[in-house]
């Protein structure tokens, strides 16, 4: 059962990466949770979880009190 949410997190992380590539975000672009959630059709909570996964992997940067870049 625990793998289902984990798979969703990975799937969402890949969707965020696809969005960033397609939108041609420049390095350092501020990734806003609400905006990403609106584009993908999910709430901010799973977006935040996916962004944390990407930050753990060194793909995005998490800045305290500022968000993800």
N, C-alpha and C. Protein backbone atom coordinates (compact mmCIF):
# COMPACT_ATOMS: atom_id res chain seq x y z
N UNK A 1 0.81 -1.20 0.00
CA UNK A 1 0.00 0.00 0.00
C UNK A 1 0.85 1.27 0.00
N UNK A 2 1.96 1.26 0.72
CA UNK A 2 2.78 2.45 0.81
C UNK A 2 3.40 2.83 -0.52
N UNK A 3 3.50 1.87 -1.44
CA UNK A 3 4.13 2.17 -2.73
C UNK A 3 3.23 2.99 -3.64
N UNK A 4 1.91 2.92 -3.47
CA UNK A 4 1.00 3.68 -4.33
C UNK A 4 1.21 5.19 -4.19
N UNK A 5 1.25 5.75 -2.97
CA UNK A 5 1.54 7.19 -2.86
C UNK A 5 2.93 7.54 -3.38
N UNK A 6 3.88 6.62 -3.15
CA UNK A 6 5.24 6.87 -3.62
C UNK A 6 5.27 6.94 -5.14
N UNK A 7 4.55 6.02 -5.80
CA UNK A 7 4.50 6.03 -7.26
C UNK A 7 3.85 7.31 -7.77
N UNK A 8 2.82 7.78 -7.09
CA UNK A 8 2.18 9.04 -7.46
C UNK A 8 3.13 10.21 -7.34
N UNK A 9 3.95 10.18 -6.31
CA UNK A 9 4.94 11.23 -6.08
C UNK A 9 5.95 11.27 -7.23
N UNK A 10 6.41 10.08 -7.64
CA UNK A 10 7.36 10.01 -8.75
C UNK A 10 6.71 10.44 -10.06
N UNK A 11 5.48 10.02 -10.27
CA UNK A 11 4.76 10.39 -11.49
C UNK A 11 4.56 11.91 -11.55
N UNK A 12 4.18 12.50 -10.42
CA UNK A 12 3.98 13.94 -10.37
C UNK A 12 5.31 14.68 -10.56
N UNK A 13 6.37 14.16 -9.98
CA UNK A 13 7.69 14.77 -10.17
C UNK A 13 8.06 14.78 -11.65
N UNK A 14 7.77 13.69 -12.34
CA UNK A 14 8.05 13.63 -13.78
C UNK A 14 7.18 14.61 -14.56
N UNK A 15 5.93 14.77 -14.14
CA UNK A 15 5.05 15.74 -14.80
C UNK A 15 5.58 17.16 -14.61
N UNK A 16 6.09 17.45 -13.42
CA UNK A 16 6.65 18.78 -13.16
C UNK A 16 7.88 19.00 -14.05
N UNK A 17 8.72 17.99 -14.16
CA UNK A 17 9.90 18.11 -15.03
C UNK A 17 9.50 18.33 -16.48
N UNK A 18 8.48 17.61 -16.93
CA UNK A 18 7.98 17.78 -18.30
C UNK A 18 7.47 19.20 -18.51
N UNK A 19 6.73 19.71 -17.53
CA UNK A 19 6.22 21.09 -17.62
C UNK A 19 7.36 22.09 -17.72
N UNK A 20 8.36 21.90 -16.87
CA UNK A 20 9.51 22.82 -16.86
C UNK A 20 10.25 22.79 -18.20
N UNK A 21 10.40 21.59 -18.75
CA UNK A 21 11.08 21.47 -20.06
C UNK A 21 10.26 22.12 -21.16
N UNK A 22 8.97 21.81 -21.19
CA UNK A 22 8.11 22.34 -22.24
C UNK A 22 7.97 23.86 -22.16
N UNK A 23 7.98 24.39 -20.95
CA UNK A 23 7.88 25.84 -20.77
C UNK A 23 9.25 26.51 -20.90
N UNK A 24 10.29 25.68 -21.02
CA UNK A 24 11.66 26.17 -21.16
C UNK A 24 12.06 27.12 -20.03
N UNK A 25 11.75 26.69 -18.80
CA UNK A 25 12.14 27.48 -17.63
C UNK A 25 13.65 27.59 -17.59
N UNK A 26 14.12 28.76 -17.29
CA UNK A 26 15.55 29.01 -17.14
C UNK A 26 16.02 28.51 -15.78
N UNK A 27 17.30 28.16 -15.64
CA UNK A 27 17.81 27.79 -14.31
C UNK A 27 17.54 28.93 -13.32
N UNK A 28 17.07 28.57 -12.14
CA UNK A 28 16.76 29.56 -11.13
C UNK A 28 15.32 30.02 -11.14
N UNK A 29 14.52 29.52 -12.09
CA UNK A 29 13.10 29.90 -12.17
C UNK A 29 12.37 29.47 -10.90
N UNK A 30 11.55 30.35 -10.35
CA UNK A 30 10.79 30.03 -9.14
C UNK A 30 9.63 29.11 -9.50
N UNK A 31 9.64 27.92 -8.92
CA UNK A 31 8.58 26.94 -9.16
C UNK A 31 7.51 27.12 -8.09
N UNK A 32 6.42 27.75 -8.44
CA UNK A 32 5.36 28.04 -7.48
C UNK A 32 4.41 26.84 -7.37
N UNK A 33 4.23 26.37 -6.14
CA UNK A 33 3.42 25.19 -5.88
C UNK A 33 1.99 25.34 -6.41
N UNK A 34 1.37 26.48 -6.14
CA UNK A 34 -0.02 26.69 -6.56
C UNK A 34 -0.13 26.69 -8.08
N UNK A 35 0.78 27.36 -8.74
CA UNK A 35 0.75 27.42 -10.19
C UNK A 35 0.94 26.04 -10.81
N UNK A 36 1.89 25.28 -10.29
CA UNK A 36 2.12 23.92 -10.81
C UNK A 36 0.90 23.04 -10.55
N UNK A 37 0.33 23.16 -9.36
CA UNK A 37 -0.86 22.39 -9.03
C UNK A 37 -2.02 22.70 -9.95
N UNK A 38 -2.21 23.99 -10.24
CA UNK A 38 -3.29 24.40 -11.15
C UNK A 38 -3.06 23.83 -12.56
N UNK A 39 -1.83 23.86 -13.02
CA UNK A 39 -1.52 23.37 -14.37
C UNK A 39 -1.70 21.85 -14.48
N UNK A 40 -1.36 21.14 -13.40
CA UNK A 40 -1.43 19.68 -13.43
C UNK A 40 -2.80 19.18 -12.98
N UNK A 41 -3.49 19.98 -12.17
CA UNK A 41 -4.81 19.58 -11.69
C UNK A 41 -4.79 18.87 -10.36
N UNK A 42 -3.83 19.23 -9.50
CA UNK A 42 -3.75 18.66 -8.15
C UNK A 42 -3.57 19.80 -7.15
N UNK A 43 -3.69 19.48 -5.86
CA UNK A 43 -3.49 20.51 -4.84
C UNK A 43 -2.01 20.75 -4.60
N UNK A 44 -1.72 21.74 -3.77
CA UNK A 44 -0.33 22.08 -3.48
C UNK A 44 0.41 21.00 -2.71
N UNK A 45 -0.29 20.25 -1.86
CA UNK A 45 0.37 19.26 -1.02
C UNK A 45 1.12 18.20 -1.81
N UNK A 46 0.50 17.55 -2.79
CA UNK A 46 1.28 16.57 -3.58
C UNK A 46 2.37 17.24 -4.43
N UNK A 47 2.13 18.46 -4.86
CA UNK A 47 3.16 19.19 -5.62
C UNK A 47 4.37 19.41 -4.74
N UNK A 48 4.13 19.83 -3.49
CA UNK A 48 5.23 20.05 -2.56
C UNK A 48 6.01 18.75 -2.33
N UNK A 49 5.30 17.65 -2.18
CA UNK A 49 5.94 16.36 -1.97
C UNK A 49 6.82 15.99 -3.17
N UNK A 50 6.31 16.21 -4.37
CA UNK A 50 7.08 15.92 -5.58
C UNK A 50 8.29 16.85 -5.70
N UNK A 51 8.12 18.11 -5.35
CA UNK A 51 9.24 19.05 -5.40
C UNK A 51 10.31 18.69 -4.38
N UNK A 52 9.88 18.21 -3.20
CA UNK A 52 10.86 17.75 -2.21
C UNK A 52 11.65 16.56 -2.73
N UNK A 53 10.98 15.66 -3.43
CA UNK A 53 11.67 14.53 -4.04
C UNK A 53 12.71 15.03 -5.05
N UNK A 54 12.33 15.98 -5.88
CA UNK A 54 13.26 16.53 -6.86
C UNK A 54 14.42 17.25 -6.17
N UNK A 55 14.15 17.90 -5.05
CA UNK A 55 15.21 18.57 -4.30
C UNK A 55 16.16 17.54 -3.69
N UNK A 56 15.62 16.44 -3.18
CA UNK A 56 16.46 15.37 -2.63
C UNK A 56 17.39 14.81 -3.70
N UNK A 57 16.95 14.80 -4.92
CA UNK A 57 17.72 14.27 -6.03
C UNK A 57 18.66 15.32 -6.65
N UNK A 58 18.58 16.57 -6.15
CA UNK A 58 19.45 17.63 -6.64
C UNK A 58 19.00 18.24 -7.96
N UNK A 59 17.74 18.01 -8.33
CA UNK A 59 17.23 18.53 -9.60
C UNK A 59 16.70 19.95 -9.44
N UNK A 60 16.07 20.21 -8.31
CA UNK A 60 15.63 21.57 -8.00
C UNK A 60 16.27 21.97 -6.67
N UNK A 61 16.24 23.25 -6.39
CA UNK A 61 16.80 23.77 -5.15
C UNK A 61 15.65 24.22 -4.25
N UNK A 62 15.67 23.76 -3.01
CA UNK A 62 14.69 24.19 -2.02
C UNK A 62 15.33 25.25 -1.15
N UNK A 63 14.71 26.43 -1.12
CA UNK A 63 15.23 27.53 -0.29
C UNK A 63 14.24 27.79 0.83
N UNK A 64 14.73 27.75 2.04
CA UNK A 64 13.88 27.95 3.21
C UNK A 64 13.15 29.29 3.13
N UNK A 65 11.85 29.23 3.36
CA UNK A 65 10.97 30.41 3.34
C UNK A 65 10.88 31.10 1.98
N UNK A 66 11.35 30.46 0.94
CA UNK A 66 11.27 31.06 -0.40
C UNK A 66 10.62 30.13 -1.41
N UNK A 67 10.78 28.83 -1.23
CA UNK A 67 10.18 27.88 -2.16
C UNK A 67 11.22 27.09 -2.91
N UNK A 68 10.83 26.69 -4.11
CA UNK A 68 11.66 25.83 -4.95
C UNK A 68 12.07 26.56 -6.21
N UNK A 69 13.31 26.30 -6.63
CA UNK A 69 13.87 26.98 -7.80
C UNK A 69 14.58 25.97 -8.68
